[in-house]
Amino acid sequence: MIKRFLDVVTAGLGLIVLAPFFLIIAILIKSNSKGPVFYKQDRVGKGGMLFKLFKFRTMKVGADRATAITVGHRDSRITPMGYYLRKFKLDELPQLINVLKGEMSLVGPRPELEKFVKLYDEQQRKVITVKPGITDYASIQFRNENALLEGKSDPVDFYIREIMPVKLDLNLQYIANQSFLTDLKIIGQTIFLVFLRK
């Protein structure tokens, strides 16, 4: 109950305070490339239920049809404005909408694409027994994931073999030791490492 209360209050206040900033970003996205302001993608939530995850659109329309993984900071599919939104993780802010709707929490395992969740073993599937979050240990450790995938002959295979298992181990570690103080610690680390330390 405390976690949900914190989610609702933080997401609600965040959306109100950030509304003017969201408007500026929306104008810049529309003036920079054709397409909608928001990018909505099916992700797997708690209990395996699919939901639409919100992000600011950072890629050209239809760019995700080839592969859902972005490779490198200068992936040719990324729009000029999208580059900066991704660099400072601003594209993630609309997920406050998902938090307010109850589909996500501020802290929790990052929601994955269904095609990747289907590869989970029985132990790894414990990750989808809790509500996904905007940030977690894996988001911090792999904050430069695009750079890790750059230059790989098969980035999707590399992600599945090398990155995804580590992310899942970190997620299971979080689930086994989750607490209000742990969530505050992760939020603090995210703000410092992802948003401030560039």
Protein backbone atom coordinates (compact mmCIF):
# COMPACT_ATOMS: atom_id res chain seq x y z
CA MET A 1 0.00 0.00 0.00
CA ILE A 2 2.88 2.37 0.83
CA LYS A 3 4.54 1.58 -2.49
CA ARG A 4 1.34 2.26 -4.44
CA PHE A 5 0.71 5.47 -2.48
CA LEU A 6 4.22 6.68 -3.32
CA ASP A 7 3.71 5.71 -6.97
CA VAL A 8 0.42 7.60 -7.30
CA VAL A 9 1.57 10.74 -5.49
CA THR A 10 4.94 10.91 -7.28
CA ALA A 11 3.52 10.13 -10.74
CA GLY A 12 0.62 12.54 -10.31
CA LEU A 13 2.77 15.42 -9.08
CA GLY A 14 5.42 14.60 -11.65
CA LEU A 15 2.97 14.81 -14.54
CA ILE A 16 1.57 18.11 -13.26
CA VAL A 17 4.98 19.71 -12.73
CA LEU A 18 6.41 18.36 -15.97
CA ALA A 19 3.37 19.25 -18.13
CA PRO A 20 4.95 22.45 -19.58
CA PHE A 21 8.19 20.55 -20.22
CA PHE A 22 6.23 17.75 -21.93
CA LEU A 23 4.59 20.36 -24.18
CA ILE A 24 7.97 21.75 -25.23
CA ILE A 25 9.28 18.25 -25.97
CA ALA A 26 6.13 17.47 -27.96
CA ILE A 27 6.59 20.58 -30.11
CA LEU A 28 10.24 19.73 -30.74
CA ILE A 29 9.40 16.13 -31.68
CA LYS A 30 6.70 17.22 -34.13
CA SER A 31 8.90 19.91 -35.69
CA ASN A 32 11.82 17.50 -35.99
CA SER A 33 10.18 14.51 -37.67
CA LYS A 34 6.87 13.18 -38.94
CA GLY A 35 4.80 11.01 -36.66
CA PRO A 36 3.13 10.97 -33.25
CA VAL A 37 4.62 12.46 -30.09
CA PHE A 38 4.30 9.26 -28.09
CA TYR A 39 5.56 5.82 -28.97
CA LYS A 40 3.45 3.02 -27.50
CA GLN A 41 4.75 -0.54 -27.39
CA ASP A 42 3.33 -3.78 -25.99
CA ARG A 43 5.28 -4.93 -22.93
CA VAL A 44 4.72 -7.76 -20.48
CA GLY A 45 3.45 -6.65 -17.08
CA LYS A 46 2.62 -8.36 -13.81
CA GLY A 47 1.17 -11.82 -14.28
CA GLY A 48 2.17 -11.85 -17.94
CA MET A 49 -0.49 -9.32 -18.93
CA LEU A 50 0.37 -7.08 -21.89
CA PHE A 51 0.09 -3.32 -21.61
CA LYS A 52 1.02 -0.30 -23.72
CA LEU A 53 4.23 1.29 -22.47
CA PHE A 54 4.50 5.04 -23.15
CA LYS A 55 7.64 6.79 -24.35
CA PHE A 56 8.39 9.94 -26.25
CA ARG A 57 8.99 8.88 -29.86
CA THR A 58 12.72 8.95 -30.62
CA MET A 59 12.80 6.99 -33.87
CA LYS A 60 11.36 7.33 -37.34
CA VAL A 61 7.86 5.88 -37.71
CA GLY A 62 8.00 2.13 -38.42
CA ALA A 63 11.68 1.89 -37.49
CA ASP A 64 10.97 -0.85 -34.93
CA ARG A 65 9.77 -3.29 -37.59
CA ALA A 66 13.32 -4.40 -38.40
CA THR A 67 14.44 -4.96 -34.80
CA ALA A 68 13.25 -3.78 -31.40
CA ILE A 69 16.81 -3.28 -30.17
CA THR A 70 18.62 -0.01 -30.71
CA VAL A 71 22.29 -0.35 -31.56
CA GLY A 72 24.64 2.48 -30.63
CA HIS A 73 23.85 6.10 -29.85
CA ARG A 74 23.86 7.00 -33.55
CA ASP A 75 21.49 4.31 -34.84
CA SER A 76 20.33 5.71 -38.19
CA ARG A 77 16.70 5.16 -37.20
CA ILE A 78 16.94 7.63 -34.32
CA THR A 79 15.73 11.17 -35.05
CA PRO A 80 17.98 14.18 -34.25
CA MET A 81 15.72 15.13 -31.34
CA GLY A 82 15.48 11.49 -30.32
CA TYR A 83 19.23 11.32 -29.82
CA TYR A 84 19.09 13.91 -27.04
CA LEU A 85 15.94 12.48 -25.49
CA ARG A 86 17.65 9.12 -25.23
CA LYS A 87 20.96 10.54 -24.04
CA PHE A 88 19.32 12.13 -21.00
CA LYS A 89 16.66 9.39 -20.63
CA LEU A 90 13.90 11.96 -21.15
CA ASP A 91 12.06 9.59 -23.48
CA GLU A 92 11.20 7.47 -20.42
CA LEU A 93 9.30 10.21 -18.56
CA PRO A 94 5.85 9.45 -20.11
CA GLN A 95 5.95 6.13 -18.24
CA LEU A 96 4.67 8.15 -15.30
CA ILE A 97 1.33 7.69 -17.11
CA ASN A 98 1.76 3.91 -16.83
CA VAL A 99 2.56 4.30 -13.13
CA LEU A 100 -0.54 6.41 -12.53
CA LYS A 101 -2.66 3.83 -14.36
CA GLY A 102 -1.31 1.09 -12.11
CA GLU A 103 0.46 -0.81 -14.88
CA MET A 104 3.92 0.05 -13.57
CA SER A 105 5.66 1.21 -10.43
CA LEU A 106 8.47 3.73 -10.00
CA VAL A 107 10.84 0.88 -9.09
CA GLY A 108 10.62 -2.67 -10.35
CA PRO A 109 11.97 -4.96 -13.08
CA ARG A 110 11.91 -3.20 -16.44
CA PRO A 111 9.06 -4.61 -18.59
CA GLU A 112 10.26 -6.68 -21.53
CA LEU A 113 8.93 -7.50 -24.97
CA GLU A 114 6.83 -10.65 -25.09
CA LYS A 115 9.24 -12.39 -27.46
CA PHE A 116 12.00 -12.13 -24.87
CA VAL A 117 9.79 -13.15 -21.94
CA LYS A 118 8.94 -16.36 -23.79
CA LEU A 119 12.63 -17.31 -23.46
CA TYR A 120 12.59 -17.10 -19.64
CA ASP A 121 13.06 -20.29 -17.66
CA GLU A 122 10.86 -21.14 -14.66
CA GLN A 123 13.08 -19.28 -12.19
CA GLN A 124 13.35 -16.20 -14.39
CA ARG A 125 9.58 -16.01 -14.77
CA LYS A 126 9.39 -14.92 -11.13
CA VAL A 127 10.30 -11.50 -12.52
CA ILE A 128 6.79 -11.09 -13.92
CA THR A 129 5.13 -11.92 -10.59
CA VAL A 130 5.67 -8.29 -9.52
CA LYS A 131 4.72 -5.00 -11.12
CA PRO A 132 7.35 -3.72 -13.59
CA GLY A 133 9.03 -0.39 -12.96
CA ILE A 134 10.55 2.67 -14.59
CA THR A 135 13.92 1.92 -13.02
CA ASP A 136 15.73 -0.95 -11.35
CA TYR A 137 19.23 -2.28 -10.68
CA ALA A 138 19.50 -3.40 -14.32
CA SER A 139 18.59 0.06 -15.64
CA ILE A 140 21.48 1.48 -13.65
CA GLN A 141 24.05 -1.19 -14.56
CA PHE A 142 23.09 -1.22 -18.24
CA ARG A 143 22.41 2.51 -18.66
CA ASN A 144 24.73 2.42 -21.68
CA GLU A 145 23.24 -0.72 -23.19
CA ASN A 146 23.14 0.74 -26.70
CA ALA A 147 26.90 1.22 -26.64
CA LEU A 148 27.40 -2.40 -25.55
CA LEU A 149 25.40 -3.61 -28.54
CA GLU A 150 27.21 -1.40 -31.02
CA GLY A 151 29.40 -3.30 -33.46
CA LYS A 152 27.93 -6.72 -32.64
CA SER A 153 27.22 -8.86 -35.71
CA ASP A 154 23.96 -10.06 -34.16
CA PRO A 155 22.92 -7.59 -31.44
CA VAL A 156 19.68 -9.44 -30.63
CA ASP A 157 21.54 -12.70 -30.02
CA PHE A 158 24.15 -10.86 -27.94
CA TYR A 159 21.38 -9.27 -25.88
CA ILE A 160 19.70 -12.62 -25.25
CA ARG A 161 22.92 -14.46 -24.36
CA GLU A 162 24.99 -11.84 -22.54
CA ILE A 163 22.76 -9.02 -21.25
CA MET A 164 19.33 -10.45 -20.55
CA PRO A 165 20.51 -13.16 -18.08
CA VAL A 166 22.40 -10.56 -16.02
CA LYS A 167 19.37 -8.26 -16.00
CA LEU A 168 17.14 -11.09 -14.82
CA ASP A 169 19.57 -12.03 -12.03
CA LEU A 170 19.52 -8.41 -10.85
CA ASN A 171 15.71 -8.38 -11.03
CA LEU A 172 15.47 -11.57 -8.95
CA GLN A 173 17.88 -10.04 -6.44
CA TYR A 174 15.59 -7.00 -6.18
CA ILE A 175 12.47 -9.13 -5.70
CA ALA A 176 14.13 -11.17 -2.95
CA ASN A 177 15.19 -8.05 -1.05
CA GLN A 178 12.68 -5.38 -2.02
CA SER A 179 11.75 -2.77 0.54
CA PHE A 180 10.78 0.89 0.75
CA LEU A 181 14.38 1.85 1.56
CA THR A 182 15.68 -0.22 -1.37
CA ASP A 183 13.32 1.61 -3.72
CA LEU A 184 14.53 4.99 -2.43
CA LYS A 185 18.14 3.85 -2.91
CA ILE A 186 17.48 2.79 -6.51
CA ILE A 187 15.65 6.04 -7.30
CA GLY A 188 18.56 8.03 -5.86
CA GLN A 189 21.14 6.05 -7.84
CA THR A 190 19.10 6.45 -11.01
CA ILE A 191 18.86 10.22 -10.65
CA PHE A 192 22.60 10.51 -10.03
CA LEU A 193 24.05 7.94 -12.45
CA VAL A 194 21.54 8.18 -15.32
CA PHE A 195 20.39 11.79 -15.28
CA LEU A 196 23.23 13.75 -13.69
CA ARG A 197 26.46 11.86 -14.30
CA LYS A 198 27.11 12.32 -18.03
